[in-house]
Amino acid sequence: MKCRHCSAPLSQCMIDLGTSPPSNAYLNENQLEAPERYYPLKVFVCDSCRLVQLQDFTEVAELFKEDYAYFSSVSQSWVDHSSAYVDAAVQRFSLDENSVVVEIAANDGYLLQWVKARGIPCYGVEPTVATAACAREKGLEIVEAFFGEELGMRLAGEGRSADLIVANNVLAHVPDINDFLRGFARLLKPMGVATFEFPHLLNLLQKVQFDTIYHEHYSYLSVFALERIFSTNGLSLFDVEELPTHGGSLRCYVQRADSGMWRKEPSVERMLQRELAAGMSNPCFYQGFQSKADRVKDDFVAYLINAKRRGMLVAGYGAAAKGNTLINYAGIRADLLAFVVDNNPHKQNKYLPGSRIPIVSETVLREKRPERVVILPWNIADELAERLKFINEWGGKCVSFVPSMNEYAPE
């Protein structure tokens, strides 16, 4: 296997999570009688450019199918985050009715709805049928395709170049990161800006967020690796912000390398120095992560087995991709985790991939009254624990396991 950016041979394995189905490949009732396709889940570090990346076995079209079930608007905190971003971007970049905003991976219109509400011309690029249809219901224009250099050139040739391109939690999802980024260099206006949000690799490693590794995430990103990757593909990084979302994310601001007007902010150098001080340029920094993940997994399994022996009913909350990684790596089935609650109607009455644990609506919690509820999307655990306070009525408690076990005491 070669690095997907610089083509250097890959030899250093950071973590091996065994095999599992794609984490968003939810099953319906009929599919329970059929086999599932499993793929290795193994992450490597490039010795040359330090891009951390998944061993590539899956085609992107297989992961992001027409029934793709991740809808961004399900999380109110994420919608609020996006609204605040639009407010800040409009002010910083002086966007108005003469501007054009494009979102790559627009999903269900969770962000562009705020741009449209301000009267700013905008459109999205989104390859998944179900989410694109939801965005169109909000009155948004969607180009239903995977983004890359060819599409960026075509849209620019049609006079659809952008003053601002937004790319939230998509840079990690592309197998050809070079082609993807060249598309931004093609689509941006000479003085345009693009922003990328993604979970920070430094947090993944330091906070043992191994369950954010799944097949849809081809790359795990740092400023140390990205500054070079941006530059190679005609873009220049000029600012970096830290965000609390998804367990600790970065927002990178880039411009065209040949024409951009924005000066490089001190934030870029500060983040580079922080990553270097942590050791991210040293191969030794990535060693030992496997044993940390194994400890979390072992604690999770032991907790569920102990609860079963005590006759306790345990449920999960949030049929998120990260939860599927944890559940499949731990080998958990419905005998230990009876069901998982999710408020997304597109996931309800389906089954988790691999474990085949049923996904149900929140009303089932009141019907079944489980003693423990495992919060799987730990990045919004506080939000969910607050929402689930009603389980205290029957002595129930919430618990999460990443980066370590945390049992939420009733108030």
Protein backbone atom coordinates (compact mmCIF):
# COMPACT_ATOMS: atom_id res chain seq x y z
CA MET A 1 0.00 0.00 0.00
CA LYS A 2 1.19 3.51 -0.84
CA CYS A 3 0.36 6.87 0.76
CA ARG A 4 -2.69 8.45 -0.85
CA HIS A 5 -0.93 11.83 -0.88
CA CYS A 6 2.78 11.33 -1.59
CA SER A 7 2.79 7.68 -2.82
CA ALA A 8 5.49 6.61 -0.35
CA PRO A 9 5.24 2.97 0.81
CA LEU A 10 3.33 2.53 4.08
CA SER A 11 4.82 0.30 6.75
CA GLN A 12 3.99 1.76 10.19
CA CYS A 13 0.67 0.49 11.54
CA MET A 14 -0.85 2.78 14.17
CA ILE A 15 -3.81 0.55 15.06
CA ASP A 16 -5.59 -2.57 13.83
CA LEU A 17 -9.28 -2.77 14.77
CA GLY A 18 -9.88 -6.08 13.04
CA THR A 19 -12.65 -6.30 10.47
CA SER A 20 -16.16 -4.86 10.33
CA PRO A 21 -18.83 -3.80 7.85
CA PRO A 22 -19.03 -0.12 6.83
CA SER A 23 -20.33 1.67 9.91
CA ASN A 24 -23.26 3.36 8.18
CA ALA A 25 -24.45 0.23 6.34
CA TYR A 26 -27.56 -0.25 8.47
CA LEU A 27 -29.63 -3.35 7.81
CA ASN A 28 -33.35 -3.76 7.25
CA GLU A 29 -35.36 -6.80 8.31
CA ASN A 30 -34.89 -8.62 5.00
CA GLN A 31 -31.10 -8.19 5.05
CA LEU A 32 -30.81 -10.09 8.32
CA GLU A 33 -31.08 -13.31 6.33
CA ALA A 34 -28.12 -12.36 4.11
CA PRO A 35 -24.37 -12.16 4.78
CA GLU A 36 -22.58 -8.85 5.30
CA ARG A 37 -19.34 -7.77 3.69
CA TYR A 38 -16.55 -7.11 6.20
CA TYR A 39 -13.39 -5.08 5.55
CA PRO A 40 -10.15 -4.63 7.51
CA LEU A 41 -10.00 -1.54 9.70
CA LYS A 42 -6.28 -0.83 9.87
CA VAL A 43 -4.59 2.58 10.08
CA PHE A 44 -1.09 3.47 8.87
CA VAL A 45 1.21 6.47 9.30
CA CYS A 46 3.16 7.65 6.26
CA ASP A 47 6.88 7.83 7.10
CA SER A 48 7.34 10.57 4.52
CA CYS A 49 4.49 13.11 4.85
CA ARG A 50 2.96 11.86 8.16
CA LEU A 51 -0.53 11.56 6.72
CA VAL A 52 -2.39 9.05 8.89
CA GLN A 53 -4.65 6.94 6.73
CA LEU A 54 -6.86 3.90 6.57
CA GLN A 55 -5.87 0.85 4.60
CA ASP A 56 -8.03 1.25 1.51
CA PHE A 57 -10.34 -1.66 0.67
CA THR A 58 -13.66 0.04 -0.03
CA GLU A 59 -14.98 2.11 -2.92
CA VAL A 60 -16.38 5.50 -1.94
CA ALA A 61 -19.61 4.83 -3.87
CA GLU A 62 -20.20 1.75 -1.71
CA LEU A 63 -19.92 3.77 1.50
CA PHE A 64 -22.08 6.73 0.47
CA LYS A 65 -25.04 5.00 -1.13
CA GLU A 66 -28.45 6.46 -1.98
CA ASP A 67 -29.84 5.27 1.38
CA TYR A 68 -27.00 6.85 3.39
CA ALA A 69 -28.54 7.45 6.81
CA TYR A 70 -26.45 10.23 8.36
CA PHE A 71 -28.51 13.43 8.51
CA SER A 72 -26.67 16.39 10.06
CA SER A 73 -29.81 18.21 11.23
CA VAL A 74 -30.62 15.46 13.76
CA SER A 75 -28.12 17.08 16.14
CA GLN A 76 -29.41 20.47 17.29
CA SER A 77 -26.02 21.40 18.69
CA TRP A 78 -24.49 20.85 15.24
CA VAL A 79 -27.17 22.96 13.58
CA ASP A 80 -26.51 25.73 16.10
CA HIS A 81 -22.77 25.43 15.48
CA SER A 82 -23.37 25.84 11.74
CA SER A 83 -25.58 28.87 12.21
CA ALA A 84 -22.88 30.56 14.29
CA TYR A 85 -20.30 29.74 11.61
CA VAL A 86 -22.40 31.39 8.90
CA ASP A 87 -22.81 34.53 11.03
CA ALA A 88 -19.04 34.76 11.55
CA ALA A 89 -18.13 34.00 7.94
CA VAL A 90 -20.56 36.57 6.54
CA GLN A 91 -18.99 39.24 8.71
CA ARG A 92 -15.35 38.24 8.22
CA PHE A 93 -15.52 37.81 4.45
CA SER A 94 -18.10 40.55 3.75
CA LEU A 95 -20.49 38.16 2.03
CA ASP A 96 -23.67 39.61 0.49
CA GLU A 97 -26.13 39.19 -2.38
CA ASN A 98 -23.23 39.52 -4.85
CA SER A 99 -21.33 36.59 -3.33
CA VAL A 100 -21.53 32.86 -3.99
CA VAL A 101 -21.25 30.29 -1.21
CA VAL A 102 -20.77 26.60 -2.00
CA GLU A 103 -20.84 23.75 0.48
CA ILE A 104 -19.14 20.48 -0.40
CA ALA A 105 -20.95 17.57 1.27
CA ALA A 106 -23.98 19.75 1.96
CA ASN A 107 -25.85 16.80 3.49
CA ASP A 108 -29.44 17.77 4.36
CA GLY A 109 -28.97 21.53 4.12
CA TYR A 110 -28.17 21.96 7.83
CA LEU A 111 -25.74 24.85 7.02
CA LEU A 112 -26.78 26.30 3.67
CA GLN A 113 -30.25 27.02 5.04
CA TRP A 114 -28.65 29.82 7.08
CA VAL A 115 -26.84 31.20 4.02
CA LYS A 116 -30.05 31.16 1.97
CA ALA A 117 -31.94 32.90 4.80
CA ARG A 118 -29.51 35.81 4.50
CA GLY A 119 -30.24 36.20 0.79
CA ILE A 120 -26.75 35.10 -0.25
CA PRO A 121 -26.63 32.99 -3.45
CA CYS A 122 -25.53 29.45 -2.63
CA TYR A 123 -25.60 25.84 -3.73
CA GLY A 124 -24.38 22.54 -2.39
CA VAL A 125 -22.59 19.50 -3.74
CA GLU A 126 -23.85 16.26 -2.19
CA PRO A 127 -23.54 12.72 -3.61
CA THR A 128 -26.06 10.88 -1.43
CA VAL A 129 -29.62 10.78 -2.74
CA ALA A 130 -31.51 10.80 0.56
CA THR A 131 -29.72 13.78 2.11
CA ALA A 132 -29.74 15.72 -1.18
CA ALA A 133 -33.51 15.31 -1.39
CA CYS A 134 -33.87 16.62 2.16
CA ALA A 135 -31.78 19.68 1.30
CA ARG A 136 -33.92 20.37 -1.77
CA GLU A 137 -37.00 20.31 0.46
CA LYS A 138 -35.45 23.32 2.20
CA GLY A 139 -35.37 25.14 -1.14
CA LEU A 140 -31.65 24.61 -1.71
CA GLU A 141 -29.97 23.85 -5.03
CA ILE A 142 -27.90 20.67 -4.88
CA VAL A 143 -25.46 19.27 -7.42
CA GLU A 144 -25.73 15.53 -6.82
CA ALA A 145 -22.18 14.30 -7.40
CA PHE A 146 -18.85 13.47 -5.78
CA PHE A 147 -16.55 16.48 -5.77
CA GLY A 148 -13.10 16.62 -7.31
CA GLU A 149 -10.96 18.56 -9.78
CA GLU A 150 -13.11 17.72 -12.80
CA LEU A 151 -16.33 18.91 -11.17
CA GLY A 152 -14.61 22.02 -9.78
CA MET A 153 -13.42 22.93 -13.27
CA ARG A 154 -16.84 22.32 -14.79
CA LEU A 155 -18.66 24.45 -12.23
CA ALA A 156 -16.12 27.27 -12.62
CA GLY A 157 -16.52 27.05 -16.39
CA GLU A 158 -20.26 27.54 -15.95
CA GLY A 159 -19.64 30.79 -14.07
CA ARG A 160 -20.34 29.24 -10.66
CA SER A 161 -17.05 30.03 -8.92
CA ALA A 162 -17.20 30.60 -5.17
CA ASP A 163 -16.30 33.39 -2.79
CA LEU A 164 -16.55 30.88 0.05
CA ILE A 165 -16.45 27.09 -0.06
CA VAL A 166 -17.42 25.24 3.10
CA ALA A 167 -16.25 21.68 3.73
CA ASN A 168 -17.31 20.34 7.12
CA ASN A 169 -16.28 16.83 8.11
CA VAL A 170 -15.67 15.72 4.54
CA LEU A 171 -11.92 16.05 3.98
CA ALA A 172 -11.34 12.83 5.93
CA HIS A 173 -13.97 11.06 3.79
CA VAL A 174 -12.27 11.28 0.40
CA PRO A 175 -10.01 8.51 -0.94
CA ASP A 176 -8.17 10.80 -3.40
CA ILE A 177 -7.31 13.76 -1.20
CA ASN A 178 -5.18 15.40 -3.91
CA ASP A 179 -7.92 15.37 -6.57
CA PHE A 180 -10.43 16.62 -4.00
CA LEU A 181 -8.32 19.61 -2.96
CA ARG A 182 -7.42 20.52 -6.53
CA GLY A 183 -11.17 20.89 -7.05
CA PHE A 184 -11.18 23.70 -4.47
CA ALA A 185 -8.30 25.48 -6.20
CA ARG A 186 -10.30 25.29 -9.44
CA LEU A 187 -13.66 26.42 -8.00
CA LEU A 188 -12.50 29.30 -5.82
CA LYS A 189 -12.56 32.82 -7.18
CA PRO A 190 -9.10 34.47 -7.20
CA MET A 191 -9.75 36.06 -3.79
CA GLY A 192 -12.03 33.32 -2.51
CA VAL A 193 -11.65 31.37 0.73
CA ALA A 194 -12.36 27.77 1.68
CA THR A 195 -12.79 26.41 5.20
CA PHE A 196 -12.35 22.81 6.30
CA GLU A 197 -13.53 21.37 9.60
CA PHE A 198 -12.35 17.96 10.77
CA PRO A 199 -11.55 16.10 13.99
CA HIS A 200 -7.99 16.82 15.09
CA LEU A 201 -5.67 13.81 14.97
CA LEU A 202 -3.89 15.08 18.07
CA ASN A 203 -7.10 14.67 20.08
CA LEU A 204 -7.77 11.25 18.58
CA LEU A 205 -4.41 10.06 19.86
CA GLN A 206 -4.19 11.87 23.19
CA LYS A 207 -7.81 11.20 24.15
CA VAL A 208 -7.96 7.64 22.79
CA GLN A 209 -10.78 8.44 20.36
CA PHE A 210 -10.14 5.25 18.37
CA ASP A 211 -13.84 4.76 17.67
CA THR A 212 -13.72 7.70 15.23
CA ILE A 213 -11.83 5.30 12.96
CA TYR A 214 -14.17 3.74 10.43
CA HIS A 215 -14.25 3.00 6.72
CA GLU A 216 -15.81 6.32 5.73
CA HIS A 217 -12.76 8.08 7.26
CA TYR A 218 -9.91 7.50 4.84
CA SER A 219 -7.59 10.08 6.50
CA TYR A 220 -6.90 11.38 10.05
CA LEU A 221 -5.68 14.91 9.88
CA SER A 222 -3.14 17.25 11.44
CA VAL A 223 -1.93 20.71 10.44
CA PHE A 224 1.57 19.23 10.25
CA ALA A 225 0.51 16.97 7.36
CA LEU A 226 -2.15 19.22 5.85
CA GLU A 227 -0.04 22.32 5.28
CA ARG A 228 2.07 20.36 2.81
CA ILE A 229 -0.95 18.68 1.23
CA PHE A 230 -2.72 22.02 0.71
CA SER A 231 0.40 23.56 -0.84
CA THR A 232 0.94 20.65 -3.21
CA ASN A 233 -2.59 21.12 -4.53
CA GLY A 234 -2.55 24.87 -5.16
CA LEU A 235 -3.88 26.08 -1.81
CA SER A 236 -2.37 28.13 1.00
CA LEU A 237 -3.29 27.73 4.68
CA PHE A 238 -3.67 31.09 6.42
CA ASP A 239 -5.59 30.51 9.65
CA VAL A 240 -6.53 27.73 12.10
CA GLU A 241 -9.19 27.67 14.80
CA GLU A 242 -9.77 25.06 17.49
CA LEU A 243 -13.36 23.89 17.95
CA PRO A 244 -15.02 21.74 20.63
CA THR A 245 -17.09 19.76 18.10
CA HIS A 246 -16.62 16.02 17.56
CA GLY A 247 -14.34 15.67 20.55
CA GLY A 248 -12.03 18.47 19.43
CA SER A 249 -11.83 19.69 15.83
CA LEU A 250 -9.90 22.19 13.75
CA ARG A 251 -11.18 24.70 11.23
CA CYS A 252 -8.59 25.47 8.59
CA TYR A 253 -8.88 28.53 6.35
CA VAL A 254 -7.23 28.32 2.94
CA GLN A 255 -6.98 30.43 -0.20
CA ARG A 256 -5.62 29.96 -3.68
CA ALA A 257 -1.83 29.89 -3.57
CA ASP A 258 -1.57 31.92 -6.77
CA SER A 259 -3.83 34.84 -5.90
CA GLY A 260 -4.99 34.88 -2.28
CA MET A 261 -4.99 38.11 -0.30
CA TRP A 262 -5.14 36.90 3.31
CA ARG A 263 -1.98 37.09 5.42
CA LYS A 264 -0.89 34.03 7.35
CA GLU A 265 -2.09 34.28 10.93
CA PRO A 266 0.11 33.34 13.93
CA SER A 267 -2.44 30.61 14.72
CA VAL A 268 -0.93 28.39 12.00
CA GLU A 269 2.56 28.44 13.48
CA ARG A 270 1.20 28.01 17.01
CA MET A 271 -0.68 24.87 16.02
CA LEU A 272 2.32 23.50 14.13
CA GLN A 273 4.53 24.03 17.15
CA ARG A 274 1.97 22.41 19.43
CA GLU A 275 1.81 19.33 17.21
CA LEU A 276 5.59 19.15 16.95
CA ALA A 277 5.99 19.56 20.71
CA ALA A 278 3.58 16.65 21.18
CA GLY A 279 5.81 14.54 18.93
CA MET A 280 3.70 14.19 15.79
CA SER A 281 6.78 14.31 13.54
CA ASN A 282 8.28 11.33 15.39
CA PRO A 283 7.22 7.76 14.50
CA CYS A 284 7.38 6.85 18.20
CA PHE A 285 4.44 9.17 18.92
CA TYR A 286 2.05 6.79 17.16
CA GLN A 287 3.22 3.67 18.98
CA GLY A 288 1.27 2.32 21.93
CA PHE A 289 -2.10 3.52 20.68
CA GLN A 290 -3.28 -0.06 20.12
CA SER A 291 -2.90 -0.97 23.79
CA LYS A 292 -4.81 2.16 24.89
CA ALA A 293 -7.71 1.26 22.61
CA ASP A 294 -7.65 -2.33 23.82
CA ARG A 295 -7.98 -1.14 27.41
CA VAL A 296 -11.12 0.87 26.57
CA LYS A 297 -12.56 -2.09 24.68
CA ASP A 298 -11.83 -4.52 27.50
CA ASP A 299 -13.44 -2.23 30.10
CA PHE A 300 -16.53 -1.91 27.88
CA VAL A 301 -16.90 -5.67 27.49
CA ALA A 302 -16.30 -6.33 31.18
CA TYR A 303 -18.91 -3.75 32.19
CA LEU A 304 -21.56 -5.26 29.93
CA ILE A 305 -20.83 -8.82 31.04
CA ASN A 306 -20.99 -7.79 34.70
CA ALA A 307 -24.32 -6.00 34.09
CA LYS A 308 -25.74 -9.11 32.41
CA ARG A 309 -24.67 -11.32 35.32
CA ARG A 310 -26.45 -8.91 37.68
CA GLY A 311 -29.63 -9.26 35.64
CA MET A 312 -29.54 -5.66 34.37
CA LEU A 313 -31.00 -4.55 31.05
CA VAL A 314 -28.53 -2.37 29.13
CA ALA A 315 -29.41 -0.28 26.06
CA GLY A 316 -27.41 2.05 23.86
CA TYR A 317 -28.18 5.59 22.74
CA GLY A 318 -27.13 7.02 19.38
CA ALA A 319 -26.66 4.71 16.38
CA ALA A 320 -23.55 6.65 15.38
CA ALA A 321 -20.67 5.41 13.26
CA LYS A 322 -18.27 5.70 16.18
CA GLY A 323 -20.55 3.47 18.24
CA ASN A 324 -20.49 0.83 15.53
CA THR A 325 -16.69 0.84 15.54
CA LEU A 326 -16.62 0.28 19.31
CA ILE A 327 -19.36 -2.36 19.27
CA ASN A 328 -17.86 -4.38 16.41
CA TYR A 329 -14.30 -4.17 17.73
CA ALA A 330 -15.55 -5.39 21.09
CA GLY A 331 -17.66 -8.15 19.52
CA ILE A 332 -20.84 -6.98 21.28
CA ARG A 333 -24.21 -8.44 20.30
CA ALA A 334 -27.81 -7.97 21.48
CA ASP A 335 -27.36 -10.30 24.46
CA LEU A 336 -25.21 -7.61 26.09
CA LEU A 337 -26.69 -4.46 24.50
CA ALA A 338 -30.37 -5.13 23.94
CA PHE A 339 -31.17 -2.23 21.59
CA VAL A 340 -29.92 1.20 20.54
CA VAL A 341 -32.12 4.30 20.56
CA ASP A 342 -31.77 6.89 17.82
CA ASN A 343 -33.95 9.90 16.99
CA ASN A 344 -33.18 9.70 13.28
CA PRO A 345 -36.27 8.13 11.67
CA HIS A 346 -34.09 6.94 8.76
CA LYS A 347 -32.29 4.61 11.19
CA GLN A 348 -35.20 3.44 13.30
CA ASN A 349 -36.50 -0.10 12.72
CA LYS A 350 -33.16 -1.04 11.20
CA TYR A 351 -30.21 -2.91 12.68
CA LEU A 352 -26.62 -1.94 13.38
CA PRO A 353 -24.14 -3.36 10.86
CA GLY A 354 -22.18 -6.33 12.14
CA SER A 355 -23.74 -6.59 15.59
CA ARG A 356 -27.30 -6.53 14.20
CA ILE A 357 -28.56 -4.84 17.34
CA PRO A 358 -32.02 -3.31 16.70
CA ILE A 359 -32.39 0.48 16.41
CA VAL A 360 -35.54 1.85 18.03
CA SER A 361 -37.21 5.15 18.90
CA GLU A 362 -36.88 6.85 22.26
CA THR A 363 -40.33 5.67 23.37
CA VAL A 364 -38.88 2.18 23.80
CA LEU A 365 -36.73 3.46 26.67
CA ARG A 366 -39.85 4.22 28.71
CA GLU A 367 -41.38 0.88 27.75
CA LYS A 368 -38.34 -1.30 28.55
CA ARG A 369 -36.86 0.85 31.36
CA PRO A 370 -33.22 -0.28 31.08
CA GLU A 371 -31.05 0.11 34.16
CA ARG A 372 -28.13 1.44 32.12
CA VAL A 373 -27.97 3.42 28.87
CA VAL A 374 -24.62 3.49 27.06
CA ILE A 375 -24.12 6.82 25.26
CA LEU A 376 -22.25 5.88 22.09
CA PRO A 377 -21.68 9.38 20.53
CA TRP A 378 -19.53 10.49 23.49
CA ASN A 379 -18.80 13.84 21.78
CA ILE A 380 -22.33 14.96 22.74
CA ALA A 381 -22.59 12.87 25.91
CA ASP A 382 -23.40 15.81 28.18
CA GLU A 383 -26.19 16.93 25.84
CA LEU A 384 -27.64 13.42 25.73
CA ALA A 385 -27.27 12.76 29.46
CA GLU A 386 -29.29 15.91 30.10
CA ARG A 387 -31.93 14.75 27.62
CA LEU A 388 -32.11 11.33 29.26
CA LYS A 389 -32.60 12.50 32.84
CA PHE A 390 -36.03 10.85 32.82
CA ILE A 391 -34.43 7.40 33.16
CA ASN A 392 -33.64 8.38 36.75
CA GLU A 393 -37.34 7.76 37.44
CA TRP A 394 -36.68 4.01 37.53
CA GLY A 395 -33.09 4.21 38.82
CA GLY A 396 -31.49 4.21 35.40
CA LYS A 397 -28.09 5.76 34.71
CA CYS A 398 -26.18 6.85 31.62
CA VAL A 399 -22.63 5.67 31.01
CA SER A 400 -19.99 6.31 28.32
CA PHE A 401 -16.66 4.56 27.69
CA VAL A 402 -14.46 6.77 25.49
CA PRO A 403 -11.83 7.86 26.41
CA SER A 404 -12.63 6.07 29.69
CA MET A 405 -15.70 4.91 31.57
CA ASN A 406 -17.89 7.69 32.95
CA GLU A 407 -21.13 6.96 34.77
CA TYR A 408 -23.47 9.95 34.96
CA ALA A 409 -24.94 10.20 38.44
CA PRO A 410 -28.63 11.18 38.68
CA GLU A 411 -29.40 14.69 39.90
